Amino acid sequence: MLLRLLSFLCLLSLPQGVLAQHSGMPTREPVPETCPVTKRDQTSLFLPPPPYRTKAGNGRFWFGTDRLWTNLPDNGILPELADEMTSAHPTISEKVFWWRQGYDARLEPRPRLRVTGKRIDSPAPPLEVSPTTNAFTQNIAAMLVGIGFPANGCWQISARYDDDELTFVIWVAAPLTTAVGHY
């Protein structure tokens, strides 16, 4: 009995990554310390003005000013649900929503938002950025851009709407892989 309890306690003390490697669960590479991802505790804890939601959602936080903002993952990693990359579609795609106080999707169906980005930890081809469109989340107008990252790594993303600019750093993860441990 004591041996079983001791074995159980040892299993509980193993890091999640080790357990995932041995269980065949998908694992994700950690963000390297050299990638200065934008995190909630490093920002000014922006909250959107009414009528926008004050909570960004599960595992996300608001980042920006009332002139331009987005929501980012707490862990600094995109995409949150990585699909397998194929040779026919070699990019990692992510939809990014942006908000701006006073933005009216009916008056501006193609927002003047421009999104750019560059990989900051290594050379990479440029981002693929879709034309900006309008979107609605819970009956509130937003701006939506599709971003295609040609490679995983540390990326700096900037958005500009008129004279307002917002920049953040994100880690773009490789597609999830299933690790198989060796005993």
Protein backbone atom coordinates (compact mmCIF):
# COMPACT_ATOMS: atom_id res chain seq x y z
CA MET A 1 0.00 0.00 0.00
CA LEU A 2 2.77 2.42 0.91
CA LEU A 3 4.58 1.62 -2.34
CA ARG A 4 1.43 2.41 -4.37
CA LEU A 5 0.95 5.70 -2.57
CA LEU A 6 4.59 6.64 -3.14
CA SER A 7 4.30 5.77 -6.87
CA PHE A 8 1.14 7.89 -7.15
CA LEU A 9 2.82 10.86 -5.47
CA CYS A 10 5.79 10.57 -7.83
CA LEU A 11 3.44 10.68 -10.84
CA LEU A 12 1.74 13.79 -9.48
CA SER A 13 5.07 15.57 -9.21
CA LEU A 14 5.99 15.03 -12.88
CA PRO A 15 5.65 18.10 -15.11
CA GLN A 16 2.70 18.05 -17.52
CA GLY A 17 5.03 18.02 -20.54
CA VAL A 18 6.66 14.80 -19.38
CA LEU A 19 3.30 13.17 -18.81
CA ALA A 20 2.09 14.30 -22.26
CA GLN A 21 5.18 12.88 -23.95
CA HIS A 22 4.58 9.47 -22.45
CA SER A 23 0.82 9.46 -22.97
CA GLY A 24 0.75 10.29 -26.68
CA MET A 25 -1.10 13.57 -25.97
CA PRO A 26 -0.41 16.51 -28.31
CA THR A 27 2.34 18.76 -26.99
CA ARG A 28 3.27 22.33 -27.83
CA GLU A 29 6.73 23.82 -27.75
CA PRO A 30 7.19 26.40 -24.99
CA VAL A 31 7.80 30.07 -25.75
CA PRO A 32 11.57 30.64 -25.70
CA GLU A 33 12.86 33.25 -23.25
CA THR A 34 14.29 35.14 -26.24
CA CYS A 35 10.77 35.93 -27.54
CA PRO A 36 9.35 38.91 -25.60
CA VAL A 37 5.67 37.99 -26.04
CA THR A 38 3.12 40.56 -24.91
CA LYS A 39 1.50 39.26 -21.73
CA ARG A 40 -1.27 40.48 -19.49
CA ASP A 41 1.02 41.25 -16.54
CA GLN A 42 3.32 43.38 -18.74
CA THR A 43 0.56 45.70 -19.95
CA SER A 44 -1.53 48.45 -18.44
CA LEU A 45 -4.58 46.17 -18.03
CA PHE A 46 -6.70 47.98 -20.62
CA LEU A 47 -10.48 47.57 -20.38
CA PRO A 48 -12.65 48.58 -23.35
CA PRO A 49 -15.16 51.37 -22.84
CA PRO A 50 -18.92 50.63 -22.77
CA PRO A 51 -20.74 49.05 -24.59
CA TYR A 52 -17.86 46.62 -25.19
CA ARG A 53 -17.34 43.56 -22.98
CA THR A 54 -14.95 44.02 -20.07
CA LYS A 55 -13.72 40.41 -20.23
CA ALA A 56 -11.86 39.27 -23.34
CA GLY A 57 -12.80 35.63 -22.99
CA ASN A 58 -11.39 32.39 -21.76
CA GLY A 59 -7.59 32.54 -21.56
CA ARG A 60 -7.36 35.94 -23.30
CA PHE A 61 -6.88 39.57 -22.30
CA TRP A 62 -7.58 42.96 -23.88
CA PHE A 63 -4.60 44.87 -25.25
CA GLY A 64 -4.59 48.42 -26.61
CA THR A 65 -6.35 51.74 -26.11
CA ASP A 66 -9.91 52.92 -26.73
CA ARG A 67 -8.71 54.04 -30.18
CA LEU A 68 -7.57 50.52 -31.20
CA TRP A 69 -7.48 47.22 -29.36
CA THR A 70 -7.45 43.46 -29.79
CA ASN A 71 -7.44 40.42 -27.52
CA LEU A 72 -4.39 38.26 -27.00
CA PRO A 73 -3.86 34.82 -25.47
CA ASP A 74 -2.63 34.82 -21.86
CA ASN A 75 0.20 32.43 -22.74
CA GLY A 76 1.39 34.54 -25.70
CA ILE A 77 0.96 31.65 -28.17
CA LEU A 78 -0.93 31.63 -31.47
CA PRO A 79 -2.68 29.80 -32.93
CA GLU A 80 -4.49 28.35 -29.98
CA LEU A 81 -5.72 25.41 -32.06
CA ALA A 82 -2.96 24.69 -34.56
CA ASP A 83 -3.84 22.50 -37.51
CA GLU A 84 -1.36 20.32 -39.29
CA MET A 85 0.52 22.23 -41.99
CA THR A 86 0.53 20.64 -45.42
CA SER A 87 2.71 21.29 -48.44
CA ALA A 88 -0.42 22.54 -50.24
CA HIS A 89 -1.11 25.09 -47.48
CA PRO A 90 2.23 25.86 -45.77
CA THR A 91 1.05 28.72 -43.56
CA ILE A 92 -0.30 28.83 -40.02
CA SER A 93 -3.52 30.85 -40.21
CA GLU A 94 -5.21 32.90 -37.54
CA LYS A 95 -8.20 35.26 -37.54
CA VAL A 96 -7.55 38.39 -35.49
CA PHE A 97 -10.36 40.67 -34.34
CA TRP A 98 -9.76 44.37 -33.70
CA TRP A 99 -12.00 46.98 -32.10
CA ARG A 100 -12.15 50.75 -32.10
CA GLN A 101 -14.48 53.03 -30.17
CA GLY A 102 -16.89 54.58 -32.65
CA TYR A 103 -16.22 52.10 -35.46
CA ASP A 104 -19.41 51.65 -37.52
CA ALA A 105 -19.39 48.56 -39.74
CA ARG A 106 -22.36 49.79 -41.76
CA LEU A 107 -20.57 53.01 -42.73
CA GLU A 108 -17.20 51.33 -43.21
CA PRO A 109 -17.62 47.70 -44.39
CA ARG A 110 -13.94 47.64 -45.45
CA PRO A 111 -12.19 49.16 -42.42
CA ARG A 112 -9.11 51.35 -42.95
CA LEU A 113 -7.16 49.03 -40.65
CA ARG A 114 -3.77 47.93 -42.02
CA VAL A 115 -1.93 45.00 -40.42
CA THR A 116 1.75 44.22 -40.93
CA GLY A 117 4.24 41.99 -39.21
CA LYS A 118 7.73 40.60 -39.18
CA ARG A 119 9.46 37.68 -37.62
CA ILE A 120 11.95 39.01 -35.08
CA ASP A 121 13.91 35.88 -34.15
CA SER A 122 14.93 34.76 -37.62
CA PRO A 123 14.48 35.70 -41.28
CA ALA A 124 11.14 34.64 -42.76
CA PRO A 125 8.95 35.37 -45.75
CA PRO A 126 6.38 38.15 -45.21
CA LEU A 127 3.00 37.63 -43.59
CA GLU A 128 -0.01 36.91 -45.73
CA VAL A 129 -2.68 39.41 -44.65
CA SER A 130 -6.24 39.20 -45.95
CA PRO A 131 -8.22 42.31 -46.83
CA THR A 132 -9.77 43.74 -43.69
CA THR A 133 -13.49 43.20 -43.31
CA ASN A 134 -16.16 43.94 -40.77
CA ALA A 135 -17.47 41.43 -38.29
CA PHE A 136 -19.89 41.30 -35.40
CA THR A 137 -19.24 39.72 -32.04
CA GLN A 138 -22.26 39.72 -29.72
CA ASN A 139 -23.93 42.44 -31.86
CA ILE A 140 -20.93 44.76 -31.56
CA ALA A 141 -18.98 45.78 -34.65
CA ALA A 142 -15.39 44.62 -34.97
CA MET A 143 -12.76 44.54 -37.67
CA LEU A 144 -11.42 41.18 -38.82
CA VAL A 145 -8.15 40.26 -40.52
CA GLY A 146 -6.88 36.85 -41.50
CA ILE A 147 -3.15 36.44 -41.00
CA GLY A 148 -1.09 33.68 -42.56
CA PHE A 149 2.23 33.09 -40.81
CA PRO A 150 4.69 31.43 -43.22
CA ALA A 151 6.71 29.98 -40.34
CA ASN A 152 6.48 29.43 -36.63
CA GLY A 153 8.57 31.66 -34.38
CA CYS A 154 8.54 35.06 -32.69
CA TRP A 155 6.46 37.63 -34.60
CA GLN A 156 5.87 41.35 -34.09
CA ILE A 157 2.43 42.41 -35.35
CA SER A 158 1.44 46.03 -35.92
CA ALA A 159 -1.95 47.45 -36.82
CA ARG A 160 -2.68 51.01 -37.91
CA TYR A 161 -6.02 52.74 -38.19
CA ASP A 162 -5.59 56.37 -39.30
CA ASP A 163 -3.12 57.83 -36.76
CA ASP A 164 -3.56 55.08 -34.16
CA GLU A 165 -1.09 52.21 -34.03
CA LEU A 166 -0.90 49.10 -31.89
CA THR A 167 2.04 46.66 -31.77
CA PHE A 168 2.45 43.39 -29.92
CA VAL A 169 4.72 40.33 -29.97
CA ILE A 170 3.37 36.81 -30.22
CA TRP A 171 4.87 33.33 -30.43
CA VAL A 172 3.51 31.43 -33.42
CA ALA A 173 3.59 27.76 -32.53
CA ALA A 174 4.29 24.92 -34.86
CA PRO A 175 1.35 22.58 -35.41
CA LEU A 176 0.65 20.28 -32.51
CA THR A 177 2.51 17.03 -32.62
CA THR A 178 1.96 13.84 -30.73
CA ALA A 179 5.04 12.94 -28.77
CA VAL A 180 5.71 9.32 -28.01
CA GLY A 181 8.00 8.72 -25.11
CA HIS A 182 10.55 5.99 -24.80
CA TYR A 183 10.74 4.05 -21.58
